[in-house]
Protein backbone atom coordinates (compact mmCIF):
# COMPACT_ATOMS: atom_id res chain seq x y z
CA MET A 1 150.23 11.79 181.75
CA ASN A 2 150.68 12.73 185.42
CA VAL A 3 148.19 15.04 187.16
CA VAL A 4 148.70 16.26 190.74
CA ILE A 5 145.81 17.31 193.00
CA ILE A 6 146.49 19.19 196.23
CA GLY A 7 144.44 21.20 198.66
CA ALA A 8 144.96 24.93 198.19
CA GLN A 9 143.82 25.96 201.69
CA TRP A 10 144.14 24.39 205.16
CA GLY A 11 142.75 21.01 204.08
CA ASP A 12 139.15 19.74 203.91
CA GLU A 13 138.64 21.39 200.52
CA GLY A 14 136.83 18.46 198.93
CA LYS A 15 139.86 16.76 197.33
CA GLY A 16 138.34 13.32 197.90
CA LYS A 17 135.36 14.01 195.67
CA ILE A 18 137.49 15.59 192.95
CA VAL A 19 140.03 12.74 192.94
CA ASP A 20 137.15 10.27 192.81
CA TYR A 21 135.59 12.13 189.87
CA LEU A 22 138.82 12.42 187.87
CA ALA A 23 139.94 8.88 188.67
CA GLN A 24 137.42 7.53 186.19
CA ASP A 25 139.86 8.52 183.44
CA ALA A 26 143.04 7.51 185.28
CA GLY A 27 144.63 4.08 185.41
CA ILE A 28 146.54 4.61 188.65
CA VAL A 29 145.97 6.80 191.72
CA VAL A 30 148.87 7.53 194.09
CA ARG A 31 148.43 9.13 197.51
CA PHE A 32 151.86 10.61 198.16
CA SER A 33 151.77 12.01 201.71
CA GLY A 34 150.08 12.09 205.11
CA GLY A 35 148.60 9.48 207.38
CA ALA A 36 145.34 8.45 208.97
CA ASN A 37 144.85 12.02 210.24
CA ALA A 38 143.60 12.89 206.75
CA GLY A 39 139.97 12.39 205.80
CA HIS A 40 138.43 12.30 202.33
CA THR A 41 134.65 11.93 202.06
CA ILE A 42 132.97 10.59 198.92
CA VAL A 43 129.22 10.30 198.38
CA LEU A 44 128.22 7.69 195.81
CA SER A 45 124.50 6.94 195.35
CA ASP A 46 123.23 6.49 198.90
CA THR A 47 126.57 5.45 200.38
CA THR A 48 129.14 7.70 202.05
CA TYR A 49 132.76 6.57 202.08
CA ALA A 50 135.19 8.08 204.58
CA LEU A 51 138.76 7.42 203.48
CA HIS A 52 141.79 8.15 205.64
CA LEU A 53 144.69 6.19 204.15
CA VAL A 54 143.36 4.57 200.99
CA PRO A 55 143.48 6.75 197.84
CA SER A 56 140.10 7.94 196.60
CA GLY A 57 140.31 6.06 193.29
CA ILE A 58 139.63 2.75 195.09
CA LEU A 59 135.88 3.06 194.40
CA TYR A 60 136.46 2.20 190.72
CA ALA A 61 136.78 -1.57 190.29
CA ASP A 62 139.39 -1.27 187.52
CA LYS A 63 141.81 1.13 189.23
CA THR A 64 145.04 0.40 191.05
CA VAL A 65 145.81 2.67 194.01
CA LEU A 66 149.14 3.11 195.75
CA LEU A 67 150.14 4.47 199.13
CA GLY A 68 153.26 6.52 198.44
CA SER A 69 156.69 6.85 199.98
CA GLY A 70 155.79 10.02 201.86
CA MET A 71 152.95 8.39 203.77
CA VAL A 72 153.09 7.19 207.36
CA ILE A 73 150.84 4.16 207.72
CA GLU A 74 149.30 2.64 210.82
CA PRO A 75 148.67 -1.00 209.79
CA SER A 76 145.68 -1.57 212.09
CA ALA A 77 144.00 1.61 210.79
CA LEU A 78 144.72 0.66 207.18
CA PHE A 79 143.18 -2.79 207.40
CA ALA A 80 140.19 -1.54 209.39
CA GLU A 81 139.55 0.90 206.55
CA LEU A 82 139.95 -1.84 203.94
CA GLU A 83 137.53 -4.10 205.80
CA ASP A 84 134.99 -1.28 205.95
CA LEU A 85 135.31 -0.81 202.18
CA LYS A 86 134.81 -4.54 201.65
CA SER A 87 131.67 -4.48 203.80
CA LYS A 88 130.31 -1.84 201.40
CA GLY A 89 131.00 -3.97 198.36
CA ILE A 90 134.43 -2.64 197.33
CA GLN A 91 136.76 -5.50 196.37
CA TRP A 92 140.18 -4.08 197.07
CA GLU A 93 142.42 -7.16 197.09
CA GLY A 94 145.18 -6.88 194.49
CA ARG A 95 144.35 -3.23 193.81
CA VAL A 96 145.89 -1.59 196.89
CA LEU A 97 149.68 -1.45 196.88
CA ILE A 98 152.12 0.24 199.27
CA SER A 99 155.49 1.80 198.55
CA ASP A 100 158.15 -0.19 200.37
CA ARG A 101 159.70 3.16 201.32
CA ALA A 102 156.60 4.28 203.26
CA HIS A 103 157.02 4.55 207.03
CA LEU A 104 154.91 2.71 209.59
CA VAL A 105 153.13 4.21 212.59
CA LEU A 106 153.44 2.19 215.80
CA PRO A 107 150.70 2.18 218.50
CA ARG A 108 152.88 3.84 221.16
CA TYR A 109 153.34 6.88 218.89
CA ARG A 110 149.81 7.97 219.84
CA GLN A 111 150.71 8.30 223.51
CA VAL A 112 153.94 10.12 222.67
CA ASP A 113 151.93 12.46 220.45
CA ARG A 114 149.42 13.27 223.20
CA GLU A 115 152.16 13.82 225.76
CA LEU A 116 154.05 16.21 223.49
CA GLU A 117 150.87 18.17 222.78
CA SER A 118 149.97 18.40 226.49
CA LYS A 119 153.39 19.86 227.30
CA ARG A 120 153.25 22.61 224.68
CA LYS A 121 152.54 26.04 226.11
CA LYS A 122 150.86 26.83 222.79
CA PRO A 123 149.23 23.60 221.54
CA ILE A 124 149.19 22.90 217.80
CA GLY A 125 145.90 21.01 217.84
CA THR A 126 147.05 17.66 216.45
CA THR A 127 144.69 14.71 215.96
CA GLY A 128 146.76 12.70 218.44
CA ARG A 129 147.17 9.77 216.04
CA GLY A 130 150.98 9.69 216.18
CA ILE A 131 151.46 11.08 212.70
CA GLY A 132 153.85 13.86 213.70
CA VAL A 133 155.79 11.43 215.90
CA ALA A 134 156.22 9.05 212.95
CA TYR A 135 157.54 11.89 210.80
CA ALA A 136 159.86 12.99 213.63
CA PHE A 137 161.30 9.48 213.92
CA LYS A 138 161.67 9.43 210.14
CA ALA A 139 163.67 12.68 210.22
CA SER A 140 165.87 11.44 213.08
CA ARG A 141 166.49 8.17 211.17
CA ASP A 142 164.74 6.10 213.83
CA GLY A 143 161.65 5.20 211.82
CA ILE A 144 160.62 1.88 210.33
CA ARG A 145 159.79 1.56 206.64
CA LEU A 146 157.78 -1.23 205.10
CA ALA A 147 161.00 -2.42 203.41
CA ASP A 148 162.57 -2.87 206.86
CA ILE A 149 159.78 -4.82 208.54
CA GLY A 150 161.68 -8.14 208.33
CA ASP A 151 165.18 -6.78 208.90
CA GLU A 152 166.30 -7.55 212.46
CA ASP A 153 169.11 -5.00 212.27
CA CYS A 154 166.56 -2.26 211.58
CA LEU A 155 164.25 -3.48 214.34
CA GLN A 156 166.82 -3.82 217.11
CA ASN A 157 166.15 -0.36 218.59
CA LEU A 158 162.41 -0.99 218.90
CA GLU A 159 160.53 -1.90 222.06
CA LYS A 160 159.35 -5.48 222.51
CA GLU A 161 155.72 -4.50 221.96
CA ASP A 162 156.69 -2.69 218.73
CA LYS A 163 158.28 -5.83 217.33
CA ALA A 164 155.26 -7.90 218.30
CA TYR A 165 152.93 -5.44 216.59
CA LEU A 166 154.94 -5.47 213.36
CA ALA A 167 155.20 -9.26 213.40
CA GLU A 168 151.40 -9.43 213.63
CA TRP A 169 150.87 -7.30 210.51
CA ARG A 170 153.90 -8.36 208.47
CA PRO A 171 152.15 -11.29 206.67
CA ARG A 172 149.44 -8.93 205.40
CA LEU A 173 151.67 -5.97 204.57
CA GLU A 174 154.52 -7.61 202.69
CA PRO A 175 152.40 -8.95 199.78
CA MET A 176 151.20 -5.37 199.16
CA ALA A 177 154.70 -3.85 199.04
CA VAL A 178 156.09 -2.52 195.76
CA ASP A 179 159.06 -0.48 194.58
CA LEU A 180 157.01 2.62 193.72
CA VAL A 181 159.63 4.19 191.45
CA SER A 182 160.03 1.00 189.42
CA TYR A 183 156.28 0.37 189.31
CA LEU A 184 155.43 3.82 187.97
CA HIS A 185 158.31 3.71 185.49
CA GLN A 186 156.94 0.44 184.14
CA HIS A 187 153.49 2.07 183.86
CA GLN A 188 154.68 5.46 182.61
CA ASN A 189 152.24 5.38 179.71
CA SER A 190 149.28 5.21 182.11
CA TRP A 191 147.34 8.25 183.18
CA THR A 192 148.27 8.67 186.84
CA LEU A 193 146.59 10.87 189.43
CA PHE A 194 148.68 11.98 192.41
CA GLU A 195 146.58 12.76 195.47
CA GLY A 196 147.82 15.00 198.26
CA ALA A 197 146.67 15.12 201.87
CA GLN A 198 145.80 18.12 204.06
CA GLY A 199 146.38 21.43 202.25
CA ALA A 200 149.07 23.73 200.91
CA LEU A 201 148.89 26.02 203.94
CA LEU A 202 149.63 23.04 206.20
CA ASP A 203 152.84 22.11 204.38
CA ILE A 204 155.83 21.74 206.71
CA ASP A 205 157.95 24.22 204.69
CA THR A 206 155.52 26.62 203.03
CA GLY A 207 152.58 26.53 205.46
CA THR A 208 151.78 28.46 208.64
CA TYR A 209 154.60 26.92 210.67
CA PRO A 210 154.51 25.61 213.40
CA PHE A 211 150.75 25.10 212.96
CA VAL A 212 151.24 22.70 210.08
CA SER A 213 151.27 19.01 209.30
CA SER A 214 154.57 17.15 209.58
CA GLY A 215 154.57 16.00 205.97
CA MET A 216 154.71 17.51 202.50
CA SER A 217 151.27 18.67 201.42
CA CYS A 218 152.71 20.84 198.65
CA ALA A 219 152.69 19.91 194.97
CA ALA A 220 156.43 19.20 195.06
CA GLY A 221 155.64 16.28 197.35
CA ALA A 222 154.15 14.41 194.40
CA ALA A 223 157.62 14.18 192.89
CA ALA A 224 159.63 13.82 196.09
CA GLN A 225 157.32 11.20 197.60
CA GLY A 226 155.19 9.95 194.72
CA GLY A 227 157.83 8.02 192.83
CA ILE A 228 158.38 10.31 189.82
CA GLY A 229 160.75 13.12 188.92
CA PRO A 230 159.58 16.76 188.92
CA ARG A 231 159.77 17.01 185.11
CA LYS A 232 157.23 14.21 184.82
CA ILE A 233 154.43 16.32 186.30
CA ASP A 234 152.12 17.52 183.52
CA ARG A 235 149.49 19.47 185.46
CA ILE A 236 148.85 20.65 189.03
CA LEU A 237 145.33 21.24 190.31
CA GLY A 238 144.59 23.14 193.52
CA VAL A 239 141.25 22.49 195.22
CA PHE A 240 139.62 25.23 197.31
CA LYS A 241 136.23 26.03 198.80
CA ALA A 242 134.08 29.08 198.13
CA TYR A 243 134.92 30.05 201.71
CA THR A 244 137.74 29.01 204.05
CA THR A 245 137.91 26.55 206.95
CA ARG A 246 140.58 25.39 209.34
CA VAL A 247 140.76 22.59 211.92
CA GLY A 248 142.96 22.85 215.00
CA ASN A 249 144.98 25.80 216.19
CA GLY A 250 146.90 28.36 214.18
CA PRO A 251 146.40 31.72 212.49
CA PHE A 252 143.25 32.23 210.43
CA PRO A 253 142.99 35.89 209.31
CA THR A 254 139.51 35.60 207.76
CA GLU A 255 137.86 33.57 210.53
CA PHE A 256 134.34 34.72 211.39
CA LYS A 257 134.35 36.46 214.77
CA ASP A 258 130.75 35.53 215.61
CA ASP A 259 130.22 31.77 215.95
CA SER A 260 126.93 31.91 217.81
CA PRO A 261 123.76 30.08 216.68
CA GLY A 262 122.22 31.87 213.72
CA SER A 263 125.52 33.49 212.71
CA LEU A 264 127.06 33.25 209.23
CA SER A 265 129.71 30.94 210.68
CA SER A 266 127.07 28.60 212.08
CA TYR A 267 125.13 28.69 208.79
CA ILE A 268 128.15 27.76 206.69
CA ARG A 269 129.26 25.02 209.10
CA THR A 270 125.79 23.48 209.07
CA THR A 271 125.10 23.90 205.35
CA GLY A 272 128.58 22.81 204.30
CA HIS A 273 128.76 19.93 206.83
CA GLU A 274 131.98 21.37 208.18
CA TYR A 275 132.97 18.73 210.68
CA GLY A 276 136.22 16.76 210.54
CA THR A 277 136.01 13.41 208.73
CA THR A 278 138.64 11.93 211.04
CA THR A 279 137.92 13.66 214.35
CA GLY A 280 134.36 14.96 214.04
CA ARG A 281 135.60 18.33 215.32
CA PRO A 282 133.66 21.38 214.10
CA ARG A 283 135.78 23.29 211.64
CA ARG A 284 136.58 26.96 212.07
CA CYS A 285 134.91 28.91 209.25
CA GLY A 286 135.70 32.20 207.56
CA TYR A 287 135.59 34.30 204.41
CA LEU A 288 137.37 33.09 201.30
CA ASP A 289 141.00 34.20 201.74
CA LEU A 290 142.22 35.23 198.30
CA VAL A 291 145.57 36.40 199.65
CA ALA A 292 146.31 32.91 200.94
CA LEU A 293 144.87 31.26 197.84
CA ARG A 294 147.03 33.29 195.47
CA TYR A 295 150.08 32.45 197.57
CA ALA A 296 149.22 28.74 197.34
CA CYS A 297 148.92 29.05 193.56
CA ILE A 298 152.31 30.74 193.25
CA VAL A 299 154.32 28.53 195.61
CA ASN A 300 152.85 25.32 194.15
CA SER A 301 152.84 26.27 190.45
CA ILE A 302 149.11 25.50 190.36
CA ASP A 303 147.97 25.42 186.71
CA ARG A 304 144.24 25.19 187.35
CA LEU A 305 141.99 25.69 190.35
CA VAL A 306 139.05 23.52 191.38
CA LEU A 307 136.22 25.31 193.23
CA THR A 308 134.04 23.30 195.62
CA HIS A 309 131.09 24.05 197.93
CA LEU A 310 129.92 26.91 195.74
CA ASP A 311 126.34 25.75 196.41
CA VAL A 312 126.72 26.57 200.12
CA TYR A 313 126.18 30.23 199.17
CA ASP A 314 122.91 29.54 197.31
CA GLU A 315 120.62 31.16 199.89
CA LEU A 316 122.73 34.17 200.83
CA PRO A 317 121.70 37.61 199.53
CA GLU A 318 125.33 38.72 199.74
CA PHE A 319 128.71 37.53 201.00
CA GLU A 320 132.31 38.74 201.20
CA ALA A 321 135.83 37.62 200.34
CA CYS A 322 139.22 38.80 201.57
CA VAL A 323 141.34 40.73 199.06
CA GLY A 324 144.07 42.02 201.40
CA TYR A 325 145.33 42.11 204.99
CA ARG A 326 145.62 45.21 207.14
CA ILE A 327 148.64 44.65 209.40
CA GLY A 328 149.38 47.66 211.56
CA ASP A 329 149.16 50.70 209.28
CA LYS A 330 149.81 48.75 206.05
CA VAL A 331 147.57 46.85 203.66
CA VAL A 332 149.37 43.88 202.10
CA GLN A 333 148.45 41.32 199.47
CA ASP A 334 151.39 38.98 200.03
CA PHE A 335 150.97 36.10 202.48
CA PRO A 336 153.31 36.65 205.48
CA ALA A 337 155.56 33.96 206.95
CA SER A 338 155.20 35.40 210.47
CA VAL A 339 152.50 33.78 212.60
CA LYS A 340 152.36 36.99 214.64
CA ASP A 341 151.61 39.04 211.52
CA LEU A 342 148.90 36.58 210.47
CA GLU A 343 147.32 36.66 213.92
CA GLN A 344 147.22 40.46 213.83
CA ALA A 345 146.00 40.67 210.25
CA VAL A 346 142.56 42.22 209.69
CA PRO A 347 140.95 41.11 206.42
CA VAL A 348 140.13 43.70 203.80
CA LEU A 349 136.80 42.49 202.42
CA LYS A 350 135.05 42.83 199.09
CA LYS A 351 131.27 42.32 198.92
CA PHE A 352 129.53 40.15 196.33
CA GLU A 353 125.86 39.79 195.50
CA GLY A 354 124.35 36.34 196.00
CA TRP A 355 122.43 34.47 193.31
CA LYS A 356 119.56 33.37 195.59
CA GLN A 357 118.79 30.15 193.73
CA PRO A 358 119.95 26.52 193.88
CA ILE A 359 122.78 25.59 191.52
CA ASP A 360 123.10 21.87 192.24
CA SER A 361 121.32 21.00 188.98
CA CYS A 362 123.68 23.12 186.84
CA GLN A 363 125.62 20.96 184.39
CA SER A 364 127.67 23.57 182.54
CA TRP A 365 129.35 26.93 183.03
CA GLU A 366 126.55 28.60 181.12
CA ASP A 367 123.94 27.07 183.45
CA LEU A 368 125.34 28.91 186.47
CA PRO A 369 123.63 32.17 187.51
CA LEU A 370 125.35 35.37 186.39
CA LYS A 371 126.31 36.36 189.95
CA ALA A 372 127.94 32.97 190.54
CA ARG A 373 129.95 33.32 187.32
CA GLU A 374 131.03 36.84 188.31
CA TYR A 375 132.32 35.50 191.65
CA VAL A 376 134.28 32.75 189.88
CA GLU A 377 135.76 35.20 187.37
CA PHE A 378 136.86 37.57 190.14
CA ILE A 379 138.73 34.72 191.85
CA GLU A 380 140.41 33.83 188.56
CA ASP A 381 141.49 37.44 188.00
CA TYR A 382 142.79 37.87 191.54
CA THR A 383 144.78 34.62 191.62
CA GLN A 384 145.71 34.81 187.92
CA THR A 385 144.78 31.12 187.74
CA PRO A 386 141.90 29.64 185.73
CA ILE A 387 139.19 27.63 187.48
CA SER A 388 138.62 24.51 185.39
CA ILE A 389 136.28 22.48 187.61
CA ILE A 390 133.36 23.61 189.81
CA SER A 391 131.61 21.34 192.29
CA VAL A 392 127.97 22.25 192.98
CA GLY A 393 127.11 19.38 195.34
CA SER A 394 128.60 16.44 197.19
CA GLU A 395 127.60 13.77 194.67
CA ARG A 396 129.94 12.72 191.85
CA LYS A 397 127.58 13.87 189.10
CA LYS A 398 127.26 17.39 190.53
CA THR A 399 130.47 18.56 188.91
CA ILE A 400 130.98 21.11 186.13
CA ILE A 401 134.03 20.55 183.93
CA LYS A 402 135.15 23.69 182.12
CA GLU A 403 138.39 22.06 181.00
CA SER A 404 139.61 18.47 181.41
CA PRO A 405 142.91 18.17 183.30
CA TRP A 406 143.86 15.26 181.04
CA ILE A 407 144.48 17.60 178.09
CA ARG A 408 148.04 18.84 177.80
CA SER A 409 148.22 22.62 177.40
């Protein structure tokens, strides 16, 4: 059985925790897209793991994890991450494999990335790690895949320092290389979890272009870049927070206008620890955007939603969510393609009563306060998508399962 997990907002939805939780029942975890600009945080006992390239299932000693064909991998960043895991007691050798079709990120891409960003009249807000440059070289057929690392014909257009860098890492990379398609076909009877990076609204084709990632963060990427055909996907989960955040530039219709100390924005950022795992940048915060969430469900064929950070609202007497956009003299409920329309959009808000009690000890749907359940049910009705998992805290055990994704519907 193949289950896909993607972010249903602009990233940072808590996918890492959910993948980690569900990986206990999977045999294989595949990260199909993105690079070291992604950041998945997992809290286990008293230890926090910050993952950027390695799939979240690595924390289970009996799981095999694979870096997929759609990823762009900086070797030095990968092995630094693996060494950090080893220092925390995670034995990864033999359990981390890399698709030989994955592309490699070279050190000079970072400088190219920063130069491109500095020349833009309207900066995108990239992490400056060379991820977009790697994808650009991939599209122009000038990139280097893991399969090509020893092929002199493929390397002849590279700079001398590029070749030296690849030669340094080649002995460590090549033993980890696999034909992802063949590997997954041989293990087709395993339960496999496909992990996306960033979020649906950052997808290169269906996101808020040009303020998007350069890779596929949509559910379709699991098939295109995860080594399986589209008919092999059994279920698609979309992870979203009880509110909305965004990192970097780009339209954000429901962003809180007041970000001063003591404001709702400041409260949510502090309570929800809304700082980038990779960059440390404070995230922009706003009301839950149900217009955008429903769009993400439709365009990605999301079967079930996963709600995280619901506990951040525990102390609020009331809060609001966006149920429409006012653009000019019209109110719309469809997510526009135009960045200009999104920048001009004024959220139409619906008010909800808070539950004013901690929910982190709740272990079932019935344990949740009535007001929390009413909020969840409204989201389900609006998006026409059931919510099957609810996270009520950062730890693995603080997860309510209404329906297991490993059951075929």
